[in-house]
Amino acid sequence: MFAGEIIRTDLIKHYPPDTAAGTMWLKNRQGKYWRDKQEIENSGSIAVTVSKEVAKEISKALEDKY
């Protein structure tokens, strides 16, 4: 009220963004990129070369251990 008169004004309410809703929207919209579990395919091989001296040390250490 102002000077005995009722004054009407528009009221705009602001709500914080809903991050859970945004996450669900992304998962439904682009599930390939936004899903919880990502499948990654590894391919190739690893080659390890050990010198004879190192191989002897390893076999000696294993013999002493067992």
PDB file of N, CA and C in Angstrom:
ATOM      1  N   MET A   1       0.833  -1.175   0.000  1.00  0.00           N
ATOM      2  CA  MET A   1       0.000   0.000   0.000  1.00  0.00           C
ATOM      3  C   MET A   1       0.881   1.241   0.000  1.00  0.00           C
ATOM      4  N   PHE A   2       0.402   2.218  -0.693  1.00  0.00           N
ATOM      5  CA  PHE A   2       1.074   3.502  -0.706  1.00  0.00           C
ATOM      6  C   PHE A   2      -0.001   4.578  -0.705  1.00  0.00           C
ATOM      7  N   ALA A   3       0.054   5.398   0.289  1.00  0.00           N
ATOM      8  CA  ALA A   3      -0.906   6.502   0.460  1.00  0.00           C
ATOM      9  C   ALA A   3      -2.340   5.987   0.452  1.00  0.00           C
ATOM     10  N   GLY A   4      -2.539   4.804   1.094  1.00  0.00           N
ATOM     11  CA  GLY A   4      -3.881   4.262   1.222  1.00  0.00           C
ATOM     12  C   GLY A   4      -4.370   3.504  -0.001  1.00  0.00           C
ATOM     13  N   GLU A   5      -3.564   3.401  -1.054  1.00  0.00           N
ATOM     14  CA  GLU A   5      -3.972   2.684  -2.255  1.00  0.00           C
ATOM     15  C   GLU A   5      -3.162   1.399  -2.382  1.00  0.00           C
ATOM     16  N   ILE A   6      -3.793   0.374  -2.903  1.00  0.00           N
ATOM     17  CA  ILE A   6      -3.104  -0.891  -3.154  1.00  0.00           C
ATOM     18  C   ILE A   6      -2.405  -0.790  -4.507  1.00  0.00           C
ATOM     19  N   ILE A   7      -1.144  -1.090  -4.502  1.00  0.00           N
ATOM     20  CA  ILE A   7      -0.350  -1.036  -5.733  1.00  0.00           C
ATOM     21  C   ILE A   7      -0.021  -2.477  -6.133  1.00  0.00           C
ATOM     22  N   ARG A   8      -0.374  -2.852  -7.343  1.00  0.00           N
ATOM     23  CA  ARG A   8      -0.078  -4.199  -7.841  1.00  0.00           C
ATOM     24  C   ARG A   8       1.172  -4.135  -8.721  1.00  0.00           C
ATOM     25  N   THR A   9       2.061  -5.066  -8.476  1.00  0.00           N
ATOM     26  CA  THR A   9       3.269  -5.172  -9.294  1.00  0.00           C
ATOM     27  C   THR A   9       3.432  -6.618  -9.741  1.00  0.00           C
ATOM     28  N   ASP A  10       4.118  -6.814 -10.845  1.00  0.00           N
ATOM     29  CA  ASP A  10       4.422  -8.154 -11.310  1.00  0.00           C
ATOM     30  C   ASP A  10       5.548  -8.725 -10.446  1.00  0.00           C
ATOM     31  N   LEU A  11       5.422  -9.988 -10.144  1.00  0.00           N
ATOM     32  CA  LEU A  11       6.420 -10.660  -9.326  1.00  0.00           C
ATOM     33  C   LEU A  11       7.088 -11.736 -10.171  1.00  0.00           C
ATOM     34  N   ILE A  12       8.389 -11.658 -10.286  1.00  0.00           N
ATOM     35  CA  ILE A  12       9.152 -12.654 -11.031  1.00  0.00           C
ATOM     36  C   ILE A  12      10.017 -13.408 -10.033  1.00  0.00           C
ATOM     37  N   LYS A  13       9.781 -14.723  -9.957  1.00  0.00           N
ATOM     38  CA  LYS A  13      10.564 -15.552  -9.052  1.00  0.00           C
ATOM     39  C   LYS A  13      11.661 -16.245  -9.844  1.00  0.00           C
ATOM     40  N   HIS A  14      12.847 -16.255  -9.277  1.00  0.00           N
ATOM     41  CA  HIS A  14      13.991 -16.907  -9.902  1.00  0.00           C
ATOM     42  C   HIS A  14      14.366 -18.125  -9.078  1.00  0.00           C
ATOM     43  N   TYR A  15      14.515 -19.259  -9.759  1.00  0.00           N
ATOM     44  CA  TYR A  15      14.889 -20.500  -9.090  1.00  0.00           C
ATOM     45  C   TYR A  15      16.286 -20.911  -9.555  1.00  0.00           C
ATOM     46  N   PRO A  16      17.059 -21.487  -8.658  1.00  0.00           N
ATOM     47  CA  PRO A  16      18.388 -21.940  -9.077  1.00  0.00           C
ATOM     48  C   PRO A  16      18.251 -23.103 -10.067  1.00  0.00           C
ATOM     49  N   PRO A  17      19.243 -23.296 -10.933  1.00  0.00           N
ATOM     50  CA  PRO A  17      19.151 -24.376 -11.906  1.00  0.00           C
ATOM     51  C   PRO A  17      19.165 -25.744 -11.224  1.00  0.00           C
ATOM     52  N   ASP A  18      18.450 -26.675 -11.795  1.00  0.00           N
ATOM     53  CA  ASP A  18      18.391 -28.032 -11.270  1.00  0.00           C
ATOM     54  C   ASP A  18      19.434 -28.874 -11.999  1.00  0.00           C
ATOM     55  N   THR A  19      20.566 -29.125 -11.354  1.00  0.00           N
ATOM     56  CA  THR A  19      21.663 -29.838 -12.006  1.00  0.00           C
ATOM     57  C   THR A  19      21.299 -31.289 -12.298  1.00  0.00           C
ATOM     58  N   ALA A  20      20.496 -31.902 -11.452  1.00  0.00           N
ATOM     59  CA  ALA A  20      20.090 -33.287 -11.704  1.00  0.00           C
ATOM     60  C   ALA A  20      19.237 -33.366 -12.969  1.00  0.00           C
ATOM     61  N   ALA A  21      18.360 -32.397 -13.160  1.00  0.00           N
ATOM     62  CA  ALA A  21      17.534 -32.377 -14.371  1.00  0.00           C
ATOM     63  C   ALA A  21      18.406 -32.157 -15.599  1.00  0.00           C
ATOM     64  N   GLY A  22      19.397 -31.309 -15.493  1.00  0.00           N
ATOM     65  CA  GLY A  22      20.314 -31.086 -16.613  1.00  0.00           C
ATOM     66  C   GLY A  22      21.094 -32.335 -16.961  1.00  0.00           C
ATOM     67  N   THR A  23      21.536 -33.056 -15.953  1.00  0.00           N
ATOM     68  CA  THR A  23      22.266 -34.299 -16.175  1.00  0.00           C
ATOM     69  C   THR A  23      21.381 -35.328 -16.861  1.00  0.00           C
ATOM     70  N   MET A  24      20.160 -35.480 -16.386  1.00  0.00           N
ATOM     71  CA  MET A  24      19.235 -36.433 -17.000  1.00  0.00           C
ATOM     72  C   MET A  24      18.933 -36.040 -18.449  1.00  0.00           C
ATOM     73  N   TRP A  25      18.785 -34.757 -18.704  1.00  0.00           N
ATOM     74  CA  TRP A  25      18.512 -34.290 -20.061  1.00  0.00           C
ATOM     75  C   TRP A  25      19.668 -34.657 -20.983  1.00  0.00           C
ATOM     76  N   LEU A  26      20.904 -34.439 -20.515  1.00  0.00           N
ATOM     77  CA  LEU A  26      22.067 -34.774 -21.333  1.00  0.00           C
ATOM     78  C   LEU A  26      22.168 -36.273 -21.578  1.00  0.00           C
ATOM     79  N   LYS A  27      21.904 -37.077 -20.542  1.00  0.00           N
ATOM     80  CA  LYS A  27      21.973 -38.530 -20.702  1.00  0.00           C
ATOM     81  C   LYS A  27      20.933 -39.031 -21.687  1.00  0.00           C
ATOM     82  N   ASN A  28      19.738 -38.470 -21.650  1.00  0.00           N
ATOM     83  CA  ASN A  28      18.684 -38.886 -22.573  1.00  0.00           C
ATOM     84  C   ASN A  28      18.919 -38.351 -23.980  1.00  0.00           C
ATOM     85  N   ARG A  29      19.478 -37.189 -24.061  1.00  0.00           N
ATOM     86  CA  ARG A  29      19.657 -36.518 -25.343  1.00  0.00           C
ATOM     87  C   ARG A  29      20.875 -37.051 -26.097  1.00  0.00           C
ATOM     88  N   GLN A  30      21.999 -37.189 -25.369  1.00  0.00           N
ATOM     89  CA  GLN A  30      23.240 -37.656 -25.979  1.00  0.00           C
ATOM     90  C   GLN A  30      23.861 -38.731 -25.092  1.00  0.00           C
ATOM     91  N   GLY A  31      23.169 -39.855 -24.985  1.00  0.00           N
ATOM     92  CA  GLY A  31      23.607 -40.937 -24.112  1.00  0.00           C
ATOM     93  C   GLY A  31      24.981 -41.478 -24.456  1.00  0.00           C
ATOM     94  N   LYS A  32      25.350 -41.389 -25.718  1.00  0.00           N
ATOM     95  CA  LYS A  32      26.660 -41.886 -26.136  1.00  0.00           C
ATOM     96  C   LYS A  32      27.788 -41.129 -25.434  1.00  0.00           C
ATOM     97  N   TYR A  33      27.601 -39.863 -25.191  1.00  0.00           N
ATOM     98  CA  TYR A  33      28.647 -39.030 -24.605  1.00  0.00           C
ATOM     99  C   TYR A  33      28.478 -38.800 -23.106  1.00  0.00           C
ATOM    100  N   TRP A  34      27.256 -38.937 -22.579  1.00  0.00           N
ATOM    101  CA  TRP A  34      26.986 -38.534 -21.208  1.00  0.00           C
ATOM    102  C   TRP A  34      26.546 -39.673 -20.296  1.00  0.00           C
ATOM    103  N   ARG A  35      26.748 -40.909 -20.671  1.00  0.00           N
ATOM    104  CA  ARG A  35      26.327 -41.988 -19.794  1.00  0.00           C
ATOM    105  C   ARG A  35      27.334 -42.176 -18.672  1.00  0.00           C
ATOM    106  N   ASP A  36      26.904 -42.851 -17.616  1.00  0.00           N
ATOM    107  CA  ASP A  36      27.758 -43.025 -16.441  1.00  0.00           C
ATOM    108  C   ASP A  36      28.933 -43.953 -16.722  1.00  0.00           C
ATOM    109  N   LYS A  37      28.691 -45.000 -17.476  1.00  0.00           N
ATOM    110  CA  LYS A  37      29.726 -45.984 -17.752  1.00  0.00           C
ATOM    111  C   LYS A  37      30.235 -45.788 -19.173  1.00  0.00           C
ATOM    112  N   GLN A  38      31.532 -45.598 -19.299  1.00  0.00           N
ATOM    113  CA  GLN A  38      32.128 -45.459 -20.614  1.00  0.00           C
ATOM    114  C   GLN A  38      32.915 -46.721 -20.928  1.00  0.00           C
ATOM    115  N   GLU A  39      32.724 -47.227 -22.126  1.00  0.00           N
ATOM    116  CA  GLU A  39      33.453 -48.412 -22.558  1.00  0.00           C
ATOM    117  C   GLU A  39      34.626 -47.974 -23.417  1.00  0.00           C
ATOM    118  N   ILE A  40      35.818 -48.332 -22.982  1.00  0.00           N
ATOM    119  CA  ILE A  40      37.031 -47.959 -23.689  1.00  0.00           C
ATOM    120  C   ILE A  40      37.729 -49.244 -24.119  1.00  0.00           C
ATOM    121  N   GLU A  41      38.029 -49.343 -25.390  1.00  0.00           N
ATOM    122  CA  GLU A  41      38.678 -50.528 -25.910  1.00  0.00           C
ATOM    123  C   GLU A  41      40.176 -50.270 -26.042  1.00  0.00           C
ATOM    124  N   ASN A  42      40.947 -51.144 -25.436  1.00  0.00           N
ATOM    125  CA  ASN A  42      42.399 -51.053 -25.527  1.00  0.00           C
ATOM    126  C   ASN A  42      42.882 -52.118 -26.494  1.00  0.00           C
ATOM    127  N   SER A  43      43.760 -51.752 -27.366  1.00  0.00           N
ATOM    128  CA  SER A  43      44.317 -52.720 -28.297  1.00  0.00           C
ATOM    129  C   SER A  43      45.811 -52.471 -28.426  1.00  0.00           C
ATOM    130  N   GLY A  44      46.499 -53.476 -28.894  1.00  0.00           N
ATOM    131  CA  GLY A  44      47.934 -53.352 -29.061  1.00  0.00           C
ATOM    132  C   GLY A  44      48.647 -54.357 -28.176  1.00  0.00           C
ATOM    133  N   SER A  45      49.929 -54.291 -28.190  1.00  0.00           N
ATOM    134  CA  SER A  45      50.718 -55.212 -27.375  1.00  0.00           C
ATOM    135  C   SER A  45      51.916 -54.479 -26.794  1.00  0.00           C
ATOM    136  N   ILE A  46      52.467 -55.081 -25.775  1.00  0.00           N
ATOM    137  CA  ILE A  46      53.645 -54.517 -25.119  1.00  0.00           C
ATOM    138  C   ILE A  46      54.730 -55.581 -25.157  1.00  0.00           C
ATOM    139  N   ALA A  47      55.871 -55.203 -25.630  1.00  0.00           N
ATOM    140  CA  ALA A  47      57.006 -56.131 -25.679  1.00  0.00           C
ATOM    141  C   ALA A  47      58.050 -55.658 -24.675  1.00  0.00           C
ATOM    142  N   VAL A  48      58.536 -56.601 -23.878  1.00  0.00           N
ATOM    143  CA  VAL A  48      59.550 -56.270 -22.885  1.00  0.00           C
ATOM    144  C   VAL A  48      60.796 -57.091 -23.198  1.00  0.00           C
ATOM    145  N   THR A  49      61.901 -56.418 -23.305  1.00  0.00           N
ATOM    146  CA  THR A  49      63.165 -57.094 -23.559  1.00  0.00           C
ATOM    147  C   THR A  49      64.019 -56.997 -22.302  1.00  0.00           C
ATOM    148  N   VAL A  50      64.483 -58.161 -21.847  1.00  0.00           N
ATOM    149  CA  VAL A  50      65.280 -58.217 -20.626  1.00  0.00           C
ATOM    150  C   VAL A  50      66.653 -58.778 -20.997  1.00  0.00           C
ATOM    151  N   SER A  51      67.691 -58.122 -20.528  1.00  0.00           N
ATOM    152  CA  SER A  51      69.036 -58.612 -20.822  1.00  0.00           C
ATOM    153  C   SER A  51      69.300 -59.900 -20.041  1.00  0.00           C
ATOM    154  N   LYS A  52      70.307 -60.644 -20.448  1.00  0.00           N
ATOM    155  CA  LYS A  52      70.625 -61.922 -19.800  1.00  0.00           C
ATOM    156  C   LYS A  52      71.008 -61.715 -18.343  1.00  0.00           C
ATOM    157  N   GLU A  53      71.712 -60.624 -18.056  1.00  0.00           N
ATOM    158  CA  GLU A  53      72.129 -60.357 -16.670  1.00  0.00           C
ATOM    159  C   GLU A  53      70.913 -60.115 -15.774  1.00  0.00           C
ATOM    160  N   VAL A  54      69.973 -59.361 -16.270  1.00  0.00           N
ATOM    161  CA  VAL A  54      68.771 -59.063 -15.490  1.00  0.00           C
ATOM    162  C   VAL A  54      67.954 -60.335 -15.315  1.00  0.00           C
ATOM    163  N   ALA A  55      67.847 -61.145 -16.355  1.00  0.00           N
ATOM    164  CA  ALA A  55      67.109 -62.399 -16.264  1.00  0.00           C
ATOM    165  C   ALA A  55      67.737 -63.319 -15.211  1.00  0.00           C
ATOM    166  N   LYS A  56      69.076 -63.375 -15.152  1.00  0.00           N
ATOM    167  CA  LYS A  56      69.766 -64.191 -14.149  1.00  0.00           C
ATOM    168  C   LYS A  56      69.464 -63.678 -12.741  1.00  0.00           C
ATOM    169  N   GLU A  57      69.470 -62.363 -12.566  1.00  0.00           N
ATOM    170  CA  GLU A  57      69.184 -61.772 -11.253  1.00  0.00           C
ATOM    171  C   GLU A  57      67.752 -62.091 -10.813  1.00  0.00           C
ATOM    172  N   ILE A  58      66.832 -62.025 -11.761  1.00  0.00           N
ATOM    173  CA  ILE A  58      65.437 -62.314 -11.439  1.00  0.00           C
ATOM    174  C   ILE A  58      65.267 -63.775 -11.054  1.00  0.00           C
ATOM    175  N   SER A  59      65.845 -64.685 -11.845  1.00  0.00           N
ATOM    176  CA  SER A  59      65.711 -66.111 -11.529  1.00  0.00           C
ATOM    177  C   SER A  59      66.396 -66.442 -10.215  1.00  0.00           C
ATOM    178  N   LYS A  60      67.526 -65.808  -9.927  1.00  0.00           N
ATOM    179  CA  LYS A  60      68.235 -66.031  -8.656  1.00  0.00           C
ATOM    180  C   LYS A  60      67.380 -65.541  -7.489  1.00  0.00           C
ATOM    181  N   ALA A  61      66.762 -64.379  -7.651  1.00  0.00           N
ATOM    182  CA  ALA A  61      65.925 -63.832  -6.585  1.00  0.00           C
ATOM    183  C   ALA A  61      64.706 -64.721  -6.339  1.00  0.00           C
ATOM    184  N   LEU A  62      64.163 -65.267  -7.412  1.00  0.00           N
ATOM    185  CA  LEU A  62      63.003 -66.163  -7.247  1.00  0.00           C
ATOM    186  C   LEU A  62      63.407 -67.482  -6.588  1.00  0.00           C
ATOM    187  N   GLU A  63      64.582 -68.002  -6.917  1.00  0.00           N
ATOM    188  CA  GLU A  63      65.058 -69.233  -6.285  1.00  0.00           C
ATOM    189  C   GLU A  63      65.290 -69.029  -4.786  1.00  0.00           C
ATOM    190  N   ASP A  64      65.863 -67.884  -4.426  1.00  0.00           N
ATOM    191  CA  ASP A  64      66.136 -67.589  -3.015  1.00  0.00           C
ATOM    192  C   ASP A  64      64.829 -67.401  -2.239  1.00  0.00           C
ATOM    193  N   LYS A  65      63.835 -66.868  -2.895  1.00  0.00           N
ATOM    194  CA  LYS A  65      62.575 -66.603  -2.221  1.00  0.00           C
ATOM    195  C   LYS A  65      61.805 -67.885  -1.951  1.00  0.00           C
ATOM    196  N   TYR A  66      61.860 -68.843  -2.888  1.00  0.00           N
ATOM    197  CA  TYR A  66      61.087 -70.071  -2.739  1.00  0.00           C
ATOM    198  C   TYR A  66      62.035 -71.169  -2.411  1.00  0.00           C
TER     199      TYR A  66
END
